[in-house]
N, C-alpha and C. Protein backbone atom coordinates (compact mmCIF):
# COMPACT_ATOMS: atom_id res chain seq x y z
N MET A 1 136.85 128.64 107.39
CA MET A 1 135.62 129.08 105.83
C MET A 1 136.66 129.84 104.99
N SER A 2 137.17 130.96 105.58
CA SER A 2 138.00 131.98 104.94
C SER A 2 139.47 131.29 104.50
N PHE A 3 139.90 130.06 105.23
CA PHE A 3 141.31 129.58 104.87
C PHE A 3 140.79 128.91 103.72
N SER A 4 139.74 128.49 103.38
CA SER A 4 139.39 127.51 101.93
C SER A 4 139.08 128.67 100.79
N LEU A 5 138.70 129.63 101.09
CA LEU A 5 138.78 130.75 100.02
C LEU A 5 140.44 130.97 99.65
N VAL A 6 140.86 131.36 100.58
CA VAL A 6 142.62 131.49 100.35
C VAL A 6 143.25 130.34 99.55
N ILE A 7 142.75 129.08 100.16
CA ILE A 7 143.42 128.08 99.31
C ILE A 7 142.78 127.63 98.11
N ALA A 8 141.67 128.40 97.51
CA ALA A 8 140.91 128.31 96.38
C ALA A 8 141.74 129.48 95.10
N VAL A 9 142.04 130.45 95.75
CA VAL A 9 142.76 131.51 95.04
C VAL A 9 144.30 130.97 94.85
N ILE A 10 144.83 130.21 95.76
CA ILE A 10 146.36 129.85 95.49
C ILE A 10 146.11 128.85 94.45
N SER A 11 145.21 127.59 94.41
CA SER A 11 145.04 126.71 93.74
C SER A 11 144.99 126.99 92.22
N GLN A 12 144.52 128.16 92.21
CA GLN A 12 144.49 128.96 90.63
C GLN A 12 145.55 129.17 90.01
N GLN A 13 146.60 129.30 90.86
CA GLN A 13 147.80 130.04 90.52
C GLN A 13 149.22 129.22 90.16
N VAL A 14 148.76 127.63 90.79
CA VAL A 14 150.18 127.02 90.79
C VAL A 14 149.83 125.66 90.00
N SER A 15 150.89 124.72 89.80
CA SER A 15 150.64 123.86 89.04
C SER A 15 149.46 122.81 89.29
N ASP A 16 149.50 121.57 88.54
CA ASP A 16 148.07 120.72 88.83
C ASP A 16 148.48 119.94 89.96
N ASP A 17 149.42 119.34 90.08
CA ASP A 17 149.56 118.54 91.40
C ASP A 17 149.43 119.37 92.61
N LEU A 18 149.90 120.44 92.80
CA LEU A 18 149.63 121.09 93.82
C LEU A 18 148.46 121.54 94.29
N ALA A 19 147.63 121.84 92.89
CA ALA A 19 146.15 122.52 92.89
C ALA A 19 145.50 121.00 93.43
N GLU A 20 145.77 120.01 93.31
CA GLU A 20 145.02 118.81 93.64
C GLU A 20 145.18 118.69 95.17
N ILE A 21 146.43 118.99 95.69
CA ILE A 21 146.43 118.96 97.09
C ILE A 21 145.96 120.07 97.80
N THR A 22 145.83 121.20 97.21
CA THR A 22 145.27 122.38 97.92
C THR A 22 143.63 122.14 97.81
N GLY A 23 143.24 121.51 96.91
CA GLY A 23 141.54 121.32 96.63
C GLY A 23 141.40 120.44 97.74
N LEU A 24 142.14 119.47 98.01
CA LEU A 24 141.84 118.27 99.30
C LEU A 24 141.87 119.25 100.42
N ALA A 25 142.91 120.09 100.40
CA ALA A 25 142.92 120.83 102.04
C ALA A 25 141.32 121.59 101.99
N ALA A 26 141.03 122.10 101.03
CA ALA A 26 139.83 123.21 101.12
C ALA A 26 138.66 122.35 101.19
N ILE A 27 138.39 120.92 100.92
CA ILE A 27 137.34 120.30 101.26
C ILE A 27 137.33 119.91 102.64
N ILE A 28 138.40 119.62 103.44
CA ILE A 28 138.68 119.14 104.46
C ILE A 28 138.48 120.35 105.33
N THR A 29 138.85 121.29 104.91
CA THR A 29 138.43 122.44 105.87
C THR A 29 137.25 123.02 105.78
N LEU A 30 136.70 122.84 104.42
CA LEU A 30 135.21 123.37 105.05
C LEU A 30 134.31 122.45 105.40
N ILE A 31 134.85 120.94 105.54
CA ILE A 31 134.14 120.03 106.43
C ILE A 31 134.12 120.14 107.70
N LEU A 32 135.35 120.41 108.24
CA LEU A 32 135.72 120.64 109.55
C LEU A 32 134.97 122.05 110.01
N SER A 33 134.85 122.83 109.14
CA SER A 33 134.19 124.29 109.55
C SER A 33 132.52 123.94 109.54
N LEU A 34 132.04 122.81 108.79
CA LEU A 34 130.80 122.72 109.06
C LEU A 34 130.39 121.96 110.38
N VAL A 35 131.65 120.95 110.69
CA VAL A 35 131.57 119.89 111.74
C VAL A 35 131.35 120.81 113.13
N LEU A 36 132.35 122.05 113.06
CA LEU A 36 132.52 122.65 114.07
C LEU A 36 131.42 123.99 114.26
N ALA A 37 130.51 124.17 113.20
CA ALA A 37 129.86 125.27 113.19
C ALA A 37 128.91 125.37 114.16
N PRO A 38 127.93 126.28 114.80
CA PRO A 38 127.23 126.02 115.82
C PRO A 38 125.84 125.10 115.33
N TRP A 39 125.08 124.74 116.35
CA TRP A 39 123.96 123.97 115.87
C TRP A 39 122.98 124.74 115.07
N GLN A 40 122.76 125.97 115.37
CA GLN A 40 121.99 126.59 114.45
C GLN A 40 122.01 126.50 113.16
N LEU A 41 123.56 126.87 112.51
CA LEU A 41 124.00 127.05 111.49
C LEU A 41 123.93 125.57 110.71
N GLN A 42 124.34 124.39 111.43
CA GLN A 42 124.19 123.33 111.01
C GLN A 42 122.70 122.78 110.75
N LEU A 43 121.78 123.14 111.56
CA LEU A 43 120.33 123.06 111.49
C LEU A 43 119.91 123.49 110.17
N PHE A 44 120.14 124.69 109.95
CA PHE A 44 119.98 125.86 108.95
C PHE A 44 120.30 125.09 107.14
N ILE A 45 121.70 124.61 107.57
CA ILE A 45 122.27 123.92 106.41
C ILE A 45 121.56 122.70 105.98
N LEU A 46 121.22 121.94 107.30
CA LEU A 46 120.51 120.63 106.89
C LEU A 46 119.20 120.68 106.29
N LEU A 47 118.28 122.04 106.58
CA LEU A 47 116.85 122.35 105.78
C LEU A 47 117.08 123.02 104.85
N PHE A 48 118.14 123.75 104.26
CA PHE A 48 118.06 124.18 103.15
C PHE A 48 118.76 122.98 102.01
N MET A 49 119.41 122.29 102.48
CA MET A 49 119.97 121.16 101.70
C MET A 49 118.89 120.36 101.29
N SER A 50 117.94 119.90 102.72
CA SER A 50 116.72 118.68 102.11
C SER A 50 115.81 119.46 101.50
N THR A 51 115.50 120.77 101.26
CA THR A 51 114.17 121.24 100.78
C THR A 51 115.03 121.08 99.01
N ARG A 52 116.37 121.43 98.87
CA ARG A 52 116.62 121.28 97.49
C ARG A 52 116.72 120.14 97.01
N ALA A 53 116.82 119.10 97.86
CA ALA A 53 116.65 117.56 97.26
C ALA A 53 115.33 117.27 96.87
N PHE A 54 114.32 117.44 97.86
CA PHE A 54 113.02 117.31 97.36
C PHE A 54 112.26 118.32 96.54
N SER A 55 113.15 119.22 96.44
CA SER A 55 112.36 120.19 95.23
C SER A 55 113.07 119.90 93.92
N SER A 56 113.91 119.22 93.60
CA SER A 56 114.54 118.75 92.35
C SER A 56 114.08 117.46 92.08
N THR A 57 113.08 116.82 92.77
CA THR A 57 112.67 115.49 92.36
C THR A 57 111.30 115.53 91.80
C-alpha cells in the first residue's frame, strides 16, 4: 500500500503518458494489497463498504 502512495507522488511530477502508467500500477498494487490482506481486514473493508452502499440509497 505504501508503494501506491509513492506512485501517486511520482505521477504528480511527470508527464501525462507516464502518469497514466503509474496510475494503472497504483490501482493494481491497491487491488493486490487488498487480495493479500488478512481476512480480518478484508471483512472490515467489506462491512464498511456495504454500510456505505446501503446508507447512500
